[in-house]
Amino acid sequence: MEPILLLFYRVIDIYFYILIVNIVLSWLVAFNVVNMQNRFVATMLYATNRLTDPLLNPIRRVLPNLGGIDISPIVLVLGLLFIQDYIRFNLYI
């Protein structure tokens, strides 16, 4: 059981970094720092959106509308950190 939990722990780690990349890219696009006409930026944003939206969309449906401020990534990060701490406590990493 320990190898499966350790694998799950590492997958959460990787997903956390993908979520951070998605957040930073969306901010850079929103403030016109990077151009969406750049194929690399568009591909990276598309890929990270496809990977993070399945977990962010249910959170967005539950959270109230805060007038353009999306706090669903914060809730997801806190949830992922909670799961990692639970795994770490059970595995004594």
C-alpha atoms as a PDB file:
ATOM      1  CA  MET A   1       0.000   0.000   0.000  1.00  0.00           C
ATOM      2  CA  GLU A   2       2.894   2.364   0.679  1.00  0.00           C
ATOM      3  CA  PRO A   3       4.153   2.485  -2.934  1.00  0.00           C
ATOM      4  CA  ILE A   4       0.689   3.417  -4.175  1.00  0.00           C
ATOM      5  CA  LEU A   5       0.361   6.201  -1.610  1.00  0.00           C
ATOM      6  CA  LEU A   6       3.851   7.439  -2.432  1.00  0.00           C
ATOM      7  CA  LEU A   7       2.974   7.484  -6.147  1.00  0.00           C
ATOM      8  CA  PHE A   8      -0.230   9.373  -5.377  1.00  0.00           C
ATOM      9  CA  TYR A   9       1.801  11.833  -3.286  1.00  0.00           C
ATOM     10  CA  ARG A  10       4.160  12.494  -6.221  1.00  0.00           C
ATOM     11  CA  VAL A  11       1.270  12.860  -8.693  1.00  0.00           C
ATOM     12  CA  ILE A  12      -0.248  15.517  -6.429  1.00  0.00           C
ATOM     13  CA  ASP A  13       3.156  17.250  -6.395  1.00  0.00           C
ATOM     14  CA  ILE A  14       3.283  17.353 -10.192  1.00  0.00           C
ATOM     15  CA  TYR A  15      -0.349  18.482 -10.422  1.00  0.00           C
ATOM     16  CA  PHE A  16       0.402  21.288  -7.963  1.00  0.00           C
ATOM     17  CA  TYR A  17       3.122  22.638 -10.281  1.00  0.00           C
ATOM     18  CA  ILE A  18       0.828  22.349 -13.312  1.00  0.00           C
ATOM     19  CA  LEU A  19      -1.770  24.362 -11.398  1.00  0.00           C
ATOM     20  CA  ILE A  20       0.807  27.050 -10.549  1.00  0.00           C
ATOM     21  CA  VAL A  21       1.836  27.279 -14.230  1.00  0.00           C
ATOM     22  CA  ASN A  22      -1.828  27.647 -15.202  1.00  0.00           C
ATOM     23  CA  ILE A  23      -2.388  30.426 -12.667  1.00  0.00           C
ATOM     24  CA  VAL A  24       0.713  32.371 -13.690  1.00  0.00           C
ATOM     25  CA  LEU A  25       0.002  32.017 -17.425  1.00  0.00           C
ATOM     26  CA  SER A  26      -3.598  33.145 -17.013  1.00  0.00           C
ATOM     27  CA  TRP A  27      -2.407  36.232 -15.099  1.00  0.00           C
ATOM     28  CA  LEU A  28       0.205  37.017 -17.749  1.00  0.00           C
ATOM     29  CA  VAL A  29      -2.411  36.752 -20.494  1.00  0.00           C
ATOM     30  CA  ALA A  30      -4.923  38.840 -18.515  1.00  0.00           C
ATOM     31  CA  PHE A  31      -2.400  41.663 -18.004  1.00  0.00           C
ATOM     32  CA  ASN A  32      -1.163  41.496 -21.630  1.00  0.00           C
ATOM     33  CA  VAL A  33       2.360  40.534 -20.648  1.00  0.00           C
ATOM     34  CA  VAL A  34       2.363  37.602 -23.068  1.00  0.00           C
ATOM     35  CA  ASN A  35       0.583  37.433 -26.375  1.00  0.00           C
ATOM     36  CA  MET A  36      -1.936  34.676 -27.054  1.00  0.00           C
ATOM     37  CA  GLN A  37      -0.899  34.813 -30.722  1.00  0.00           C
ATOM     38  CA  ASN A  38       2.328  33.123 -29.652  1.00  0.00           C
ATOM     39  CA  ARG A  39       1.781  29.444 -30.411  1.00  0.00           C
ATOM     40  CA  PHE A  40       3.807  28.186 -27.440  1.00  0.00           C
ATOM     41  CA  VAL A  41       1.867  30.318 -24.953  1.00  0.00           C
ATOM     42  CA  ALA A  42      -1.459  29.292 -26.454  1.00  0.00           C
ATOM     43  CA  THR A  43      -0.493  25.615 -26.368  1.00  0.00           C
ATOM     44  CA  MET A  44       0.740  25.797 -22.774  1.00  0.00           C
ATOM     45  CA  LEU A  45      -2.391  27.600 -21.601  1.00  0.00           C
ATOM     46  CA  TYR A  46      -4.631  25.140 -23.465  1.00  0.00           C
ATOM     47  CA  ALA A  47      -2.796  22.133 -22.000  1.00  0.00           C
ATOM     48  CA  THR A  48      -2.817  23.440 -18.443  1.00  0.00           C
ATOM     49  CA  ASN A  49      -6.491  24.408 -18.711  1.00  0.00           C
ATOM     50  CA  ARG A  50      -7.353  20.914 -19.930  1.00  0.00           C
ATOM     51  CA  LEU A  51      -5.477  19.393 -16.994  1.00  0.00           C
ATOM     52  CA  THR A  52      -6.755  21.688 -14.243  1.00  0.00           C
ATOM     53  CA  ASP A  53     -10.349  22.455 -15.277  1.00  0.00           C
ATOM     54  CA  PRO A  54     -11.781  19.033 -14.315  1.00  0.00           C
ATOM     55  CA  LEU A  55     -10.947  19.747 -10.668  1.00  0.00           C
ATOM     56  CA  LEU A  56     -11.497  23.512 -10.731  1.00  0.00           C
ATOM     57  CA  ASN A  57     -14.953  23.538 -12.373  1.00  0.00           C
ATOM     58  CA  PRO A  58     -16.793  21.718  -9.525  1.00  0.00           C
ATOM     59  CA  ILE A  59     -15.195  24.104  -7.036  1.00  0.00           C
ATOM     60  CA  ARG A  60     -16.243  27.091  -9.164  1.00  0.00           C
ATOM     61  CA  ARG A  61     -19.848  25.863  -9.172  1.00  0.00           C
ATOM     62  CA  VAL A  62     -19.930  25.716  -5.366  1.00  0.00           C
ATOM     63  CA  LEU A  63     -18.153  28.999  -4.594  1.00  0.00           C
ATOM     64  CA  PRO A  64     -20.126  32.243  -4.743  1.00  0.00           C
ATOM     65  CA  ASN A  65     -19.452  34.814  -7.458  1.00  0.00           C
ATOM     66  CA  LEU A  66     -16.912  37.323  -6.158  1.00  0.00           C
ATOM     67  CA  GLY A  67     -17.086  39.732  -9.069  1.00  0.00           C
ATOM     68  CA  GLY A  68     -14.305  38.515 -11.327  1.00  0.00           C
ATOM     69  CA  ILE A  69     -12.012  37.114  -8.649  1.00  0.00           C
ATOM     70  CA  ASP A  70     -11.505  33.377  -9.004  1.00  0.00           C
ATOM     71  CA  ILE A  71     -10.461  31.804  -5.719  1.00  0.00           C
ATOM     72  CA  SER A  72     -11.039  28.220  -6.843  1.00  0.00           C
ATOM     73  CA  PRO A  73      -7.290  27.592  -7.392  1.00  0.00           C
ATOM     74  CA  ILE A  74      -6.645  28.615  -3.782  1.00  0.00           C
ATOM     75  CA  VAL A  75      -9.273  26.166  -2.558  1.00  0.00           C
ATOM     76  CA  LEU A  76      -7.790  23.423  -4.759  1.00  0.00           C
ATOM     77  CA  VAL A  77      -4.244  24.125  -3.539  1.00  0.00           C
ATOM     78  CA  LEU A  78      -5.412  23.933   0.076  1.00  0.00           C
ATOM     79  CA  GLY A  79      -7.206  20.661  -0.663  1.00  0.00           C
ATOM     80  CA  LEU A  80      -4.141  19.187  -2.361  1.00  0.00           C
ATOM     81  CA  LEU A  81      -1.907  20.235   0.531  1.00  0.00           C
ATOM     82  CA  PHE A  82      -4.354  18.678   2.981  1.00  0.00           C
ATOM     83  CA  ILE A  83      -4.296  15.380   1.064  1.00  0.00           C
ATOM     84  CA  GLN A  84      -0.499  15.449   0.926  1.00  0.00           C
ATOM     85  CA  ASP A  85      -0.251  16.080   4.664  1.00  0.00           C
ATOM     86  CA  TYR A  86      -2.645  13.200   5.299  1.00  0.00           C
ATOM     87  CA  ILE A  87      -0.532  10.887   3.147  1.00  0.00           C
ATOM     88  CA  ARG A  88       2.679  12.118   4.758  1.00  0.00           C
ATOM     89  CA  PHE A  89       1.228  11.500   8.228  1.00  0.00           C
ATOM     90  CA  ASN A  90       0.202   7.956   7.296  1.00  0.00           C
ATOM     91  CA  LEU A  91       3.520   7.116   5.601  1.00  0.00           C
ATOM     92  CA  TYR A  92       5.806   8.991   8.025  1.00  0.00           C
ATOM     93  CA  ILE A  93       7.723  10.571   5.130  1.00  0.00           C
END
